[in-house]
Amino acid sequence: MGEILVTTANGMFGKAVAAALVEKGYPVRLMVRDITKCTISGENAEIVRADMDKPESLIPVMEGIDSVFLSSPIDSRIAEREIAVIKAAKAAGVKRIVKIYGAVKHEDALSETHHAVMDYLYDSGLEWALVSPNSVMETSLYGFQPSIKYMNAIYGISGESRVGLVALKDVAEVSAVVLTSGGHHAKNYELTGAESLNLFDVAFVFSNVLNKRIDYIDLSEDTFSRMIRKNDKTITAERLELEILCHLRAWKNGKADLVTDTVRTLTGRDPVSLEQFVSDNFYYYRTGIVNRLLALLMRKIS
């Protein structure tokens, strides 16, 4: 088979997919803006510099490419960047595009942006497939680390609503299968773990694995937003909305309550469980956890 191009190979999805492909021995071209930050290597891996914000830089990296894994940073320029990649791919004779989308049913600006890309992709004449993770454990749960470590708590706005979390490892392995095998044209593969949980359930799992009581504290969106802004002076209104609020709002509205068997169907194994995820990241969450009385005090003054 021809070479596979992975866009944003220094990003979360791109890096994970690139690593999975390199490990399996497929010829991979890793597209990055900064070569010095690329940590993936292998005899079958070629690192190239290109920038989605500079469409002319995309033309040479498409030469000899059979399939493209398409992902980009989450901001207001997703459509412009990804459409530029599709245009360059079509001009170079690329066979297919595998795009990261999402299974969470957003009804907001993020959804509109992705739909603009998909409309263009559908009309491009290229083969295409979507890999659509529900909420990813790494993006959804890593941000809870400070409050878990220092307040013994998880904060959110989703109440009792449930979400079918999926591990990045599962997203990467499914993407590798779709990129390297046939029969996937016009398919949308929605990925979740084996169960749908609310954040009270998530806190219970953290408590059991970390051997320390972790509470879930449900807040109003305004209170939660103020807390985020208080603890991160650098976050902009756009980042707060696109990276955090729109996802938790979708959870609250029941848009992420989904369980599929897609991971098992395409990889032949069970998806990573939340218990396994927390266990794999035990020291990331557990180190520095304070005693309960101090944690309660810190909550009151935060």
Protein backbone atom coordinates (compact mmCIF):
# COMPACT_ATOMS: atom_id res chain seq x y z
CA MET A 1 0.00 0.00 0.00
CA GLY A 2 1.02 3.61 -0.45
CA GLU A 3 2.29 5.90 2.27
CA ILE A 4 -0.08 7.30 4.90
CA LEU A 5 0.05 11.00 5.79
CA VAL A 6 -0.83 11.90 9.37
CA THR A 7 -1.66 15.58 9.83
CA THR A 8 -0.91 17.40 13.11
CA ALA A 9 1.35 14.51 14.10
CA ASN A 10 2.41 16.45 17.21
CA GLY A 11 -1.22 16.74 18.33
CA MET A 12 -3.13 14.35 20.56
CA PHE A 13 -4.93 12.36 17.87
CA GLY A 14 -2.23 12.65 15.22
CA LYS A 15 0.53 11.55 17.55
CA ALA A 16 -1.42 8.55 18.83
CA VAL A 17 -2.43 7.41 15.34
CA ALA A 18 1.09 7.90 14.00
CA ALA A 19 2.54 5.83 16.85
CA ALA A 20 0.04 3.03 16.20
CA LEU A 21 0.87 2.96 12.48
CA VAL A 22 4.62 3.06 13.05
CA GLU A 23 4.39 0.22 15.57
CA LYS A 24 2.47 -1.88 13.05
CA GLY A 25 5.14 -1.27 10.40
CA TYR A 26 3.15 0.81 7.89
CA PRO A 27 4.93 3.53 5.87
CA VAL A 28 3.94 6.81 7.51
CA ARG A 29 4.64 10.47 6.75
CA LEU A 30 4.26 12.66 9.81
CA MET A 31 3.20 16.22 9.06
CA VAL A 32 4.18 18.75 11.73
CA ARG A 33 4.85 22.47 11.98
CA ASP A 34 7.82 22.00 14.30
CA ILE A 35 10.03 19.00 13.52
CA THR A 36 11.99 19.43 16.76
CA LYS A 37 8.86 18.57 18.77
CA CYS A 38 8.16 15.29 16.98
CA THR A 39 9.03 12.39 19.29
CA ILE A 40 7.94 9.53 17.02
CA SER A 41 10.65 7.73 15.07
CA GLY A 42 11.14 4.55 13.11
CA GLU A 43 12.52 3.24 9.84
CA ASN A 44 9.02 3.46 8.39
CA ALA A 45 8.40 7.03 9.60
CA GLU A 46 9.19 10.15 7.58
CA ILE A 47 8.83 13.54 9.27
CA VAL A 48 7.88 16.53 7.10
CA ARG A 49 7.18 20.17 7.84
CA ALA A 50 3.94 21.77 6.64
CA ASP A 51 1.37 24.20 7.97
CA MET A 52 -2.39 24.01 7.40
CA ASP A 53 -2.48 27.80 7.61
CA LYS A 54 -0.18 27.89 4.55
CA PRO A 55 -1.96 25.83 1.85
CA GLU A 56 1.01 26.04 -0.49
CA SER A 57 3.08 24.05 2.03
CA LEU A 58 0.63 21.14 1.80
CA ILE A 59 1.23 20.38 -1.88
CA PRO A 60 4.70 18.77 -1.66
CA VAL A 61 3.87 16.60 1.38
CA MET A 62 1.04 14.91 -0.55
CA GLU A 63 3.31 13.39 -3.18
CA GLY A 64 3.07 9.58 -3.17
CA ILE A 65 0.42 9.56 -0.42
CA ASP A 66 -2.37 6.97 -0.56
CA SER A 67 -4.40 7.90 2.54
CA VAL A 68 -4.59 10.92 4.84
CA PHE A 69 -5.50 10.94 8.52
CA LEU A 70 -7.10 14.36 9.00
CA SER A 71 -7.19 16.17 12.32
CA SER A 72 -6.48 19.76 13.31
CA PRO A 73 -6.35 22.00 16.39
CA ILE A 74 -9.74 22.82 17.92
CA ASP A 75 -10.37 26.47 17.23
CA SER A 76 -12.40 28.66 14.87
CA ARG A 77 -10.19 27.81 11.86
CA ILE A 78 -10.90 24.07 11.67
CA ALA A 79 -12.90 24.37 8.43
CA GLU A 80 -10.33 26.51 6.60
CA ARG A 81 -7.45 24.26 7.59
CA GLU A 82 -9.07 20.91 6.90
CA ILE A 83 -10.60 21.99 3.59
CA ALA A 84 -7.13 23.15 2.51
CA VAL A 85 -5.82 19.63 3.25
CA ILE A 86 -8.65 18.01 1.27
CA LYS A 87 -7.99 20.29 -1.71
CA ALA A 88 -4.28 19.47 -1.68
CA ALA A 89 -4.99 15.76 -1.31
CA LYS A 90 -7.37 15.70 -4.26
CA ALA A 91 -4.95 17.65 -6.46
CA ALA A 92 -2.19 15.13 -5.63
CA GLY A 93 -4.32 12.08 -6.43
CA VAL A 94 -4.71 10.85 -2.84
CA LYS A 95 -7.15 7.94 -2.62
CA ARG A 96 -8.92 8.56 0.69
CA ILE A 97 -9.33 10.76 3.73
CA VAL A 98 -10.00 9.44 7.24
CA LYS A 99 -11.22 12.35 9.35
CA ILE A 100 -11.55 12.63 13.10
CA TYR A 101 -15.06 13.82 13.88
CA GLY A 102 -16.99 12.98 17.06
CA ALA A 103 -19.98 11.04 18.34
CA VAL A 104 -21.13 13.64 20.88
CA LYS A 105 -24.12 15.44 19.38
CA HIS A 106 -23.00 19.05 19.54
CA GLU A 107 -25.41 21.74 18.39
CA ASP A 108 -23.03 24.68 18.42
CA ALA A 109 -20.27 26.45 16.50
CA LEU A 110 -17.93 23.45 16.77
CA SER A 111 -20.51 21.23 15.10
CA GLU A 112 -21.14 23.75 12.32
CA THR A 113 -17.42 23.95 11.62
CA HIS A 114 -17.02 20.19 11.31
CA HIS A 115 -20.12 19.94 9.12
CA ALA A 116 -18.63 22.48 6.71
CA VAL A 117 -15.57 20.24 6.35
CA MET A 118 -17.64 17.10 5.91
CA ASP A 119 -19.87 18.69 3.27
CA TYR A 120 -16.75 19.58 1.30
CA LEU A 121 -15.31 16.10 1.82
CA TYR A 122 -18.52 14.38 0.66
CA ASP A 123 -18.48 16.42 -2.56
CA SER A 124 -14.75 15.94 -3.20
CA GLY A 125 -15.02 12.60 -4.99
CA LEU A 126 -12.44 11.07 -2.64
CA GLU A 127 -13.06 7.96 -0.60
CA TRP A 128 -13.71 8.97 2.99
CA ALA A 129 -14.47 7.62 6.42
CA LEU A 130 -15.09 9.25 9.79
CA VAL A 131 -13.63 8.05 13.08
CA SER A 132 -15.92 9.55 15.70
CA PRO A 133 -14.88 9.08 19.31
CA ASN A 134 -17.41 9.99 21.95
CA SER A 135 -15.75 11.94 24.78
CA VAL A 136 -12.10 10.86 25.02
CA MET A 137 -10.80 9.91 28.47
CA GLU A 138 -7.57 11.85 28.08
CA THR A 139 -9.20 15.15 27.07
CA SER A 140 -12.15 14.71 29.43
CA LEU A 141 -10.34 13.50 32.55
CA TYR A 142 -6.77 14.81 32.49
CA GLY A 143 -8.09 18.28 33.31
CA PHE A 144 -9.47 16.97 36.60
CA GLN A 145 -5.96 16.21 37.88
CA PRO A 146 -5.44 19.35 40.02
CA SER A 147 -8.81 19.11 41.77
CA ILE A 148 -8.41 15.36 42.30
CA LYS A 149 -4.90 15.78 43.73
CA TYR A 150 -5.49 18.81 45.89
CA MET A 151 -9.25 18.94 46.59
CA ASN A 152 -10.18 15.25 46.37
CA ALA A 153 -12.93 16.27 43.99
CA ILE A 154 -14.14 16.43 40.41
CA TYR A 155 -16.07 19.54 39.35
CA GLY A 156 -18.54 19.72 36.49
CA ILE A 157 -21.94 20.87 35.23
CA SER A 158 -23.47 17.66 33.85
CA GLY A 159 -25.46 16.42 36.85
CA GLU A 160 -26.68 12.84 36.47
CA SER A 161 -26.23 12.77 32.69
CA ARG A 162 -24.12 9.94 31.35
CA VAL A 163 -21.27 9.70 28.84
CA GLY A 164 -19.67 6.77 27.02
CA LEU A 165 -16.00 7.63 27.52
CA VAL A 166 -13.40 6.12 25.17
CA ALA A 167 -9.62 5.84 25.57
CA LEU A 168 -7.24 7.50 23.11
CA LYS A 169 -5.56 4.12 22.58
CA ASP A 170 -8.82 2.74 21.18
CA VAL A 171 -9.28 5.75 18.88
CA ALA A 172 -5.75 5.33 17.54
CA GLU A 173 -6.06 1.60 16.93
CA VAL A 174 -9.42 1.92 15.17
CA SER A 175 -8.03 4.74 13.02
CA ALA A 176 -5.07 2.55 12.05
CA VAL A 177 -7.44 -0.24 10.97
CA VAL A 178 -9.56 2.12 8.88
CA LEU A 179 -6.48 3.66 7.24
CA THR A 180 -4.92 0.33 6.30
CA SER A 181 -7.84 -1.87 5.23
CA GLY A 182 -10.69 -1.72 2.76
CA GLY A 183 -14.46 -1.53 3.00
CA HIS A 184 -14.71 1.68 5.00
CA HIS A 185 -15.91 4.21 2.42
CA ALA A 186 -18.73 6.47 3.64
CA LYS A 187 -18.69 4.87 7.11
CA ASN A 188 -18.91 6.81 10.36
CA TYR A 189 -17.36 4.77 13.17
CA GLU A 190 -18.66 5.97 16.54
CA LEU A 191 -16.36 4.88 19.37
CA THR A 192 -17.13 4.50 23.07
CA GLY A 193 -16.10 2.40 26.00
CA ALA A 194 -18.18 -0.53 27.21
CA GLU A 195 -20.47 1.54 29.45
CA SER A 196 -22.01 4.95 29.92
CA LEU A 197 -21.25 6.70 33.23
CA ASN A 198 -22.14 9.96 34.93
CA LEU A 199 -19.52 11.96 36.83
CA PHE A 200 -20.71 10.57 40.16
CA ASP A 201 -19.84 7.13 38.74
CA VAL A 202 -16.52 8.46 37.46
CA ALA A 203 -15.66 9.84 40.91
CA PHE A 204 -16.53 6.45 42.42
CA VAL A 205 -14.11 4.69 40.04
CA PHE A 206 -11.36 7.18 40.88
CA SER A 207 -12.03 6.61 44.58
CA ASN A 208 -11.71 2.85 44.25
CA VAL A 209 -8.57 2.85 42.12
CA LEU A 210 -6.77 5.65 43.99
CA ASN A 211 -7.91 4.30 47.39
CA LYS A 212 -8.99 7.80 48.36
CA ARG A 213 -12.50 9.25 48.44
CA ILE A 214 -13.07 11.55 45.46
CA ASP A 215 -16.36 13.46 45.30
CA TYR A 216 -18.16 14.82 42.27
CA ILE A 217 -19.37 18.39 42.83
CA ASP A 218 -21.99 19.62 40.36
CA LEU A 219 -22.01 23.36 39.67
CA SER A 220 -23.96 25.81 37.56
CA GLU A 221 -22.30 26.75 34.29
CA ASP A 222 -21.66 30.31 35.52
CA THR A 223 -20.04 29.15 38.76
CA PHE A 224 -17.98 26.54 36.93
CA SER A 225 -16.81 29.11 34.35
CA ARG A 226 -15.76 31.54 37.07
CA MET A 227 -13.80 28.77 38.79
CA ILE A 228 -11.97 27.93 35.56
CA ARG A 229 -11.14 31.57 34.87
CA LYS A 230 -9.95 32.07 38.45
CA ASN A 231 -7.54 29.16 38.21
CA ASP A 232 -6.37 29.76 34.63
CA LYS A 233 -5.76 33.42 33.89
CA THR A 234 -4.61 32.61 30.35
CA ILE A 235 -7.80 30.98 29.10
CA THR A 236 -9.76 32.98 26.55
CA ALA A 237 -13.53 32.99 26.11
CA GLU A 238 -13.12 31.08 22.83
CA ARG A 239 -10.93 28.40 24.39
CA LEU A 240 -13.23 28.06 27.39
CA GLU A 241 -16.19 27.49 25.07
CA LEU A 242 -14.55 25.21 22.46
CA GLU A 243 -12.30 23.19 24.77
CA ILE A 244 -14.49 22.80 27.87
CA LEU A 245 -18.01 24.23 28.07
CA CYS A 246 -19.47 22.99 24.80
CA HIS A 247 -18.46 19.43 25.69
CA LEU A 248 -19.77 19.47 29.27
CA ARG A 249 -22.95 21.21 28.09
CA ALA A 250 -23.49 18.40 25.58
CA TRP A 251 -23.03 15.87 28.39
CA LYS A 252 -25.60 17.69 30.51
CA ASN A 253 -28.10 17.64 27.65
CA GLY A 254 -27.71 13.89 27.18
CA LYS A 255 -25.85 14.19 23.87
CA ALA A 256 -22.98 11.91 24.94
CA ASP A 257 -25.01 9.04 26.42
CA LEU A 258 -23.92 6.42 23.90
CA VAL A 259 -22.43 2.93 23.94
CA THR A 260 -21.25 1.12 20.80
CA ASP A 261 -19.34 -2.10 20.11
CA THR A 262 -17.25 -0.53 17.33
CA VAL A 263 -13.92 -0.86 19.13
CA ARG A 264 -14.40 -4.59 19.62
CA THR A 265 -15.70 -5.07 16.06
CA LEU A 266 -12.70 -3.38 14.44
CA THR A 267 -9.88 -4.34 16.83
CA GLY A 268 -11.06 -7.71 18.13
CA ARG A 269 -10.69 -6.74 21.80
CA ASP A 270 -12.66 -4.98 24.52
CA PRO A 271 -12.28 -1.23 24.81
CA VAL A 272 -10.15 0.18 27.62
CA SER A 273 -12.25 0.53 30.78
CA LEU A 274 -12.27 3.58 33.01
CA GLU A 275 -10.75 1.47 35.79
CA GLN A 276 -7.86 0.52 33.52
CA PHE A 277 -7.37 4.14 32.43
CA VAL A 278 -7.17 5.40 36.02
CA SER A 279 -4.88 2.51 36.97
CA ASP A 280 -2.58 3.27 34.02
CA ASN A 281 -2.43 6.91 35.18
CA PHE A 282 -2.33 6.14 38.90
CA TYR A 283 0.65 8.31 39.83
CA TYR A 284 -0.52 11.19 37.64
CA TYR A 285 -3.66 11.46 39.78
CA ARG A 286 -2.60 9.98 43.11
CA THR A 287 0.67 11.76 43.93
CA GLY A 288 0.01 14.77 46.11
CA ILE A 289 -3.53 13.91 47.15
CA VAL A 290 -4.18 15.65 50.47
CA ASN A 291 -6.12 14.44 53.49
CA ARG A 292 -9.87 14.90 53.44
CA LEU A 293 -10.15 17.68 56.06
CA LEU A 294 -7.61 19.84 54.23
CA ALA A 295 -9.32 19.08 50.92
CA LEU A 296 -12.67 20.22 52.31
CA LEU A 297 -11.11 23.44 53.56
CA MET A 298 -9.54 24.11 50.16
CA ARG A 299 -12.91 23.65 48.48
CA LYS A 300 -14.51 26.23 50.75
CA ILE A 301 -11.91 28.90 50.09
CA SER A 302 -11.53 28.23 46.33
